[in-house]
C-alpha atoms as a PDB file:
ATOM      1  CA  THR A   1       1.069 -33.635 -78.125  1.00  0.00           C
ATOM      2  CA  GLU A   2      -1.240 -30.802 -78.517  1.00  0.00           C
ATOM      3  CA  TYR A   3      -1.209 -31.204 -82.304  1.00  0.00           C
ATOM      4  CA  ARG A   4      -2.287 -34.810 -82.394  1.00  0.00           C
ATOM      5  CA  ARG A   5      -5.108 -33.943 -79.850  1.00  0.00           C
ATOM      6  CA  GLN A   6      -6.307 -31.237 -81.905  1.00  0.00           C
ATOM      7  CA  ARG A   7      -5.975 -33.490 -85.081  1.00  0.00           C
ATOM      8  CA  GLN A   8      -8.193 -36.340 -83.425  1.00  0.00           C
ATOM      9  CA  MET A   9     -10.731 -33.575 -82.400  1.00  0.00           C
ATOM     10  CA  CYS A  10     -10.897 -32.358 -85.944  1.00  0.00           C
ATOM     11  CA  ILE A  11     -11.284 -35.851 -87.624  1.00  0.00           C
ATOM     12  CA  ARG A  12     -13.836 -36.634 -84.800  1.00  0.00           C
ATOM     13  CA  ASP A  13     -15.881 -33.720 -85.646  1.00  0.00           C
ATOM     14  CA  SER A  14     -15.531 -34.270 -89.499  1.00  0.00           C
ATOM     15  CA  LEU A  15     -16.916 -37.723 -88.822  1.00  0.00           C
ATOM     16  CA  ASP A  16     -19.779 -36.490 -86.892  1.00  0.00           C
ATOM     17  CA  VAL A  17     -20.839 -33.981 -89.843  1.00  0.00           C
ATOM     18  CA  ALA A  18     -20.386 -36.739 -92.485  1.00  0.00           C
ATOM     19  CA  VAL A  19     -22.652 -38.960 -90.318  1.00  0.00           C
ATOM     20  CA  GLU A  20     -24.945 -36.097 -89.918  1.00  0.00           C
ATOM     21  CA  ALA A  21     -24.786 -35.681 -93.862  1.00  0.00           C
ATOM     22  CA  GLY A  22     -25.955 -39.332 -94.247  1.00  0.00           C
ATOM     23  CA  LEU A  23     -22.481 -40.982 -94.959  1.00  0.00           C
ATOM     24  CA  ASP A  24     -21.629 -44.213 -93.216  1.00  0.00           C
ATOM     25  CA  ARG A  25     -19.064 -43.368 -90.552  1.00  0.00           C
ATOM     26  CA  ALA A  26     -16.414 -46.126 -91.473  1.00  0.00           C
ATOM     27  CA  ASP A  27     -16.367 -44.885 -95.069  1.00  0.00           C
ATOM     28  CA  ALA A  28     -15.671 -41.315 -94.206  1.00  0.00           C
ATOM     29  CA  ALA A  29     -13.163 -42.625 -91.640  1.00  0.00           C
ATOM     30  CA  ALA A  30     -11.562 -44.652 -94.132  1.00  0.00           C
ATOM     31  CA  PHE A  31     -11.717 -41.635 -96.986  1.00  0.00           C
ATOM     32  CA  LEU A  32     -10.169 -39.072 -94.234  1.00  0.00           C
ATOM     33  CA  ALA A  33      -7.254 -41.563 -93.293  1.00  0.00           C
ATOM     34  CA  SER A  34      -6.506 -42.047 -97.182  1.00  0.00           C
ATOM     35  CA  ASP A  35      -4.883 -39.504 -99.741  1.00  0.00           C
ATOM     36  CA  ARG A  36      -7.990 -40.095-101.929  1.00  0.00           C
ATOM     37  CA  GLY A  37      -9.120 -36.620-103.168  1.00  0.00           C
ATOM     38  CA  CYS A  38      -5.734 -34.936-102.671  1.00  0.00           C
ATOM     39  CA  SER A  39      -4.911 -34.876-106.314  1.00  0.00           C
ATOM     40  CA  ASP A  40      -8.583 -33.381-107.184  1.00  0.00           C
ATOM     41  CA  VAL A  41      -8.191 -30.776-104.389  1.00  0.00           C
ATOM     42  CA  ALA A  42      -4.659 -29.746-105.646  1.00  0.00           C
ATOM     43  CA  ALA A  43      -6.121 -29.303-109.095  1.00  0.00           C
ATOM     44  CA  ARG A  44      -8.731 -27.297-108.086  1.00  0.00           C
ATOM     45  CA  ILE A  45      -6.356 -25.215-105.995  1.00  0.00           C
ATOM     46  CA  ARG A  46      -3.996 -24.725-109.162  1.00  0.00           C
ATOM     47  CA  SER A  47      -7.158 -23.448-111.094  1.00  0.00           C
ATOM     48  CA  TYR A  48      -7.882 -21.043-108.597  1.00  0.00           C
ATOM     49  CA  TYR A  49      -4.366 -19.778-108.753  1.00  0.00           C
ATOM     50  CA  ASP A  50      -4.402 -19.721-112.519  1.00  0.00           C
ATOM     51  CA  HIS A  51      -7.652 -17.694-112.463  1.00  0.00           C
ATOM     52  CA  GLY A  52      -6.324 -15.079-109.864  1.00  0.00           C
ATOM     53  CA  ILE A  53      -8.021 -16.277-106.932  1.00  0.00           C
ATOM     54  CA  TRP A  54      -5.647 -16.714-103.897  1.00  0.00           C
ATOM     55  CA  THR A  55      -7.765 -15.453-100.977  1.00  0.00           C
ATOM     56  CA  THR A  56     -10.612 -16.558 -99.323  1.00  0.00           C
ATOM     57  CA  PRO A  57     -13.677 -16.081 -99.230  1.00  0.00           C
ATOM     58  CA  VAL A  58     -14.479 -15.588-102.603  1.00  0.00           C
ATOM     59  CA  VAL A  59     -17.656 -15.753-104.950  1.00  0.00           C
ATOM     60  CA  VAL A  60     -17.319 -16.219-108.374  1.00  0.00           C
ATOM     61  CA  PHE A  61     -20.194 -15.562-110.588  1.00  0.00           C
ATOM     62  CA  ASP A  62     -20.566 -17.296-114.023  1.00  0.00           C
ATOM     63  CA  ASN A  63     -17.076 -19.101-113.380  1.00  0.00           C
ATOM     64  CA  LYS A  64     -15.430 -15.691-114.543  1.00  0.00           C
ATOM     65  CA  PHE A  65     -16.300 -12.624-112.193  1.00  0.00           C
ATOM     66  CA  PRO A  66     -15.138 -13.013-108.699  1.00  0.00           C
ATOM     67  CA  LEU A  67     -16.084 -10.941-105.770  1.00  0.00           C
ATOM     68  CA  PHE A  68     -13.169 -11.106-103.154  1.00  0.00           C
ATOM     69  CA  GLY A  69     -13.306 -10.627 -99.474  1.00  0.00           C
ATOM     70  CA  ALA A  70     -15.976 -11.132 -96.728  1.00  0.00           C
ATOM     71  CA  VAL A  71     -18.231  -8.803 -97.957  1.00  0.00           C
ATOM     72  CA  ASP A  72     -22.077  -8.289 -96.946  1.00  0.00           C
ATOM     73  CA  ALA A  73     -25.198  -8.948 -98.580  1.00  0.00           C
ATOM     74  CA  SER A  74     -25.567  -5.307-100.263  1.00  0.00           C
ATOM     75  CA  ALA A  75     -22.494  -5.772-101.926  1.00  0.00           C
ATOM     76  CA  VAL A  76     -23.421  -9.265-103.168  1.00  0.00           C
ATOM     77  CA  ARG A  77     -26.540  -7.625-104.444  1.00  0.00           C
ATOM     78  CA  ASP A  78     -24.700  -4.639-106.008  1.00  0.00           C
ATOM     79  CA  ALA A  79     -22.219  -6.869-108.067  1.00  0.00           C
ATOM     80  CA  VAL A  80     -25.162  -9.091-109.083  1.00  0.00           C
ATOM     81  CA  GLU A  81     -26.941  -5.986-110.223  1.00  0.00           C
ATOM     82  CA  GLN A  82     -23.825  -4.558-112.082  1.00  0.00           C
ATOM     83  CA  LEU A  83     -23.620  -8.082-113.912  1.00  0.00           C
ATOM     84  CA  LEU A  84     -27.125  -8.103-114.890  1.00  0.00           C
ATOM     85  CA  ASP A  85     -27.236  -4.689-116.178  1.00  0.00           C
ATOM     86  CA  ILE A  86     -23.888  -5.385-118.538  1.00  0.00           C
ATOM     87  CA  GLY A  87     -25.847  -8.566-119.882  1.00  0.00           C
ATOM     88  CA  GLU A  88     -23.020 -10.945-118.474  1.00  0.00           C
ATOM     89  CA  VAL A  89     -25.090 -13.483-116.353  1.00  0.00           C
ATOM     90  CA  ASP A  90     -29.112 -14.505-116.738  1.00  0.00           C
ATOM     91  CA  ALA A  91     -31.281 -13.817-114.033  1.00  0.00           C
ATOM     92  CA  VAL A  92     -32.354 -16.844-112.052  1.00  0.00           C
ATOM     93  CA  MET A  93     -34.922 -16.889-109.605  1.00  0.00           C
ATOM     94  CA  PRO A  94     -34.731 -19.957-106.950  1.00  0.00           C
ATOM     95  CA  ALA A  95     -38.126 -21.684-106.322  1.00  0.00           C
ATOM     96  CA  ALA A  96     -38.248 -20.650-102.834  1.00  0.00           C
ATOM     97  CA  HIS A  97     -38.478 -16.911-103.953  1.00  0.00           C
ATOM     98  CA  SER A  98     -40.878 -17.464-106.687  1.00  0.00           C
ATOM     99  CA  SER A  99     -43.709 -15.041-107.214  1.00  0.00           C
ATOM    100  CA  GLN A 100     -46.429 -17.987-106.793  1.00  0.00           C
ATOM    101  CA  THR A 101     -49.413 -16.725-105.094  1.00  0.00           C
ATOM    102  CA  THR A 102     -51.526 -19.145-102.782  1.00  0.00           C
END
């Protein structure tokens, strides 16, 4: 059936990604064929619902400030600036954007 064909393609693609990420293909296949991890995923989903997160995409700052929907970079910047202004989160500068001079 079409469903089975699509499912097999999805599994094959997932295994390719797992191998590209450095995982063993057989181990990844065994994981995908099992129900391992399902209870962890269900618990995370419940936690998201409990915190009012019901849609994707969503970015959560400091585990308490959600930004819902597909937004552009300026909306993310504005949200971060507002959180910094009210002192809710600390500024962190990634190493790739440090002000080191060479």
